[in-house]
Structures are given as structure tokens and as C-alpha cells.
C-alpha atoms as a PDB file:
ATOM      1  CA  UNK A   1    -140.837 104.866 -88.537  1.00  0.00           C
ATOM      2  CA  UNK A   2    -138.540 102.033 -89.518  1.00  0.00           C
ATOM      3  CA  UNK A   3    -138.477 102.937 -92.517  1.00  0.00           C
ATOM      4  CA  UNK A   4    -137.251 106.375 -91.899  1.00  0.00           C
ATOM      5  CA  UNK A   5    -134.729 104.936 -89.468  1.00  0.00           C
ATOM      6  CA  UNK A   6    -133.291 102.700 -91.776  1.00  0.00           C
ATOM      7  CA  UNK A   7    -132.725 105.299 -94.467  1.00  0.00           C
ATOM      8  CA  UNK A   8    -130.894 107.574 -92.411  1.00  0.00           C
ATOM      9  CA  UNK A   9    -129.065 105.086 -90.223  1.00  0.00           C
ATOM     10  CA  UNK A  10    -127.524 103.621 -94.006  1.00  0.00           C
ATOM     11  CA  UNK A  11    -126.944 107.169 -95.035  1.00  0.00           C
ATOM     12  CA  UNK A  12    -124.832 107.869 -92.299  1.00  0.00           C
ATOM     13  CA  UNK A  13    -123.035 104.110 -92.656  1.00  0.00           C
ATOM     14  CA  UNK A  14    -122.971 104.234 -96.394  1.00  0.00           C
ATOM     15  CA  UNK A  15    -121.182 108.173 -95.609  1.00  0.00           C
ATOM     16  CA  UNK A  16    -119.214 106.064 -92.862  1.00  0.00           C
ATOM     17  CA  UNK A  17    -117.701 103.987 -95.137  1.00  0.00           C
ATOM     18  CA  UNK A  18    -116.797 105.973 -98.266  1.00  0.00           C
ATOM     19  CA  UNK A  19    -115.035 108.818 -95.686  1.00  0.00           C
ATOM     20  CA  UNK A  20    -113.333 105.761 -94.357  1.00  0.00           C
ATOM     21  CA  UNK A  21    -111.852 104.539 -97.363  1.00  0.00           C
ATOM     22  CA  UNK A  22    -111.039 107.914 -98.630  1.00  0.00           C
ATOM     23  CA  UNK A  23    -113.597 108.987-101.151  1.00  0.00           C
ATOM     24  CA  UNK A  24    -114.308 112.655-102.697  1.00  0.00           C
ATOM     25  CA  UNK A  25    -117.655 114.019-101.754  1.00  0.00           C
ATOM     26  CA  UNK A  26    -118.977 112.971-104.699  1.00  0.00           C
ATOM     27  CA  UNK A  27    -118.245 109.325-103.707  1.00  0.00           C
ATOM     28  CA  UNK A  28    -119.630 109.803-100.387  1.00  0.00           C
ATOM     29  CA  UNK A  29    -122.973 110.757-102.028  1.00  0.00           C
ATOM     30  CA  UNK A  30    -123.242 108.082-103.980  1.00  0.00           C
ATOM     31  CA  UNK A  31    -122.260 105.724-100.903  1.00  0.00           C
ATOM     32  CA  UNK A  32    -125.023 107.202 -98.501  1.00  0.00           C
ATOM     33  CA  UNK A  33    -127.873 107.307-101.064  1.00  0.00           C
ATOM     34  CA  UNK A  34    -127.277 103.803-101.841  1.00  0.00           C
ATOM     35  CA  UNK A  35    -127.045 102.243 -98.807  1.00  0.00           C
ATOM     36  CA  UNK A  36    -130.206 104.806 -97.284  1.00  0.00           C
ATOM     37  CA  UNK A  37    -132.360 103.420-100.506  1.00  0.00           C
ATOM     38  CA  UNK A  38    -131.169  99.583 -99.455  1.00  0.00           C
ATOM     39  CA  UNK A  39    -131.674  99.919 -95.632  1.00  0.00           C
ATOM     40  CA  UNK A  40    -135.022 101.934 -96.042  1.00  0.00           C
ATOM     41  CA  UNK A  41    -136.256  98.549 -98.326  1.00  0.00           C
ATOM     42  CA  UNK A  42    -135.409  96.738 -95.668  1.00  0.00           C
ATOM     43  CA  UNK A  43    -136.964  98.345 -93.029  1.00  0.00           C
ATOM     44  CA  UNK A  44    -140.342  98.773 -95.638  1.00  0.00           C
ATOM     45  CA  UNK A  45    -140.156  94.610 -95.575  1.00  0.00           C
ATOM     46  CA  UNK A  46    -139.408  94.073 -91.808  1.00  0.00           C
ATOM     47  CA  UNK A  47    -142.581  97.031 -91.379  1.00  0.00           C
ATOM     48  CA  UNK A  48    -144.853  94.914 -94.067  1.00  0.00           C
ATOM     49  CA  UNK A  49    -143.982  91.403 -92.201  1.00  0.00           C
ATOM     50  CA  UNK A  50    -145.184  92.874 -88.786  1.00  0.00           C
ATOM     51  CA  UNK A  51    -148.183  94.734 -90.068  1.00  0.00           C
ATOM     52  CA  UNK A  52    -148.845  91.236 -91.344  1.00  0.00           C
ATOM     53  CA  UNK A  53    -148.417  89.018 -88.493  1.00  0.00           C
ATOM     54  CA  UNK A  54    -149.986  91.381 -85.646  1.00  0.00           C
ATOM     55  CA  UNK A  55    -153.124  92.336 -88.117  1.00  0.00           C
ATOM     56  CA  UNK A  56    -152.783  89.169 -89.434  1.00  0.00           C
END
């Protein structure tokens, strides 16, 4: 669940940043994809850390 939330928030944030900086549609899509992937990776790491802490 954290991974999906991270990907969604990252994509929205990246798209917003690209649009704010005056990017074209392709720029917005690339920024959204890149930040979505980065935030999903962070969410994956957080999920693994939480799981290993709880299950131990």
C-alpha cells in the first residue's frame, strides 16, 4: 500500500513541478514517471524496513 501511495504522490508531484516550470506534455510525462518510480522505490524500502521491524 505504501508503494502505491508513493508512486501516485511522486507522479503527481513530478507532473506539477514540470508544469510549473513550463514543460511540454512529454516533459510532464517524463517527470511524472521518473518521480513516480523514485517514490515507489522509497516506498518499497520503507515497507521492507517496517516488515522486518515488526516480524523481526
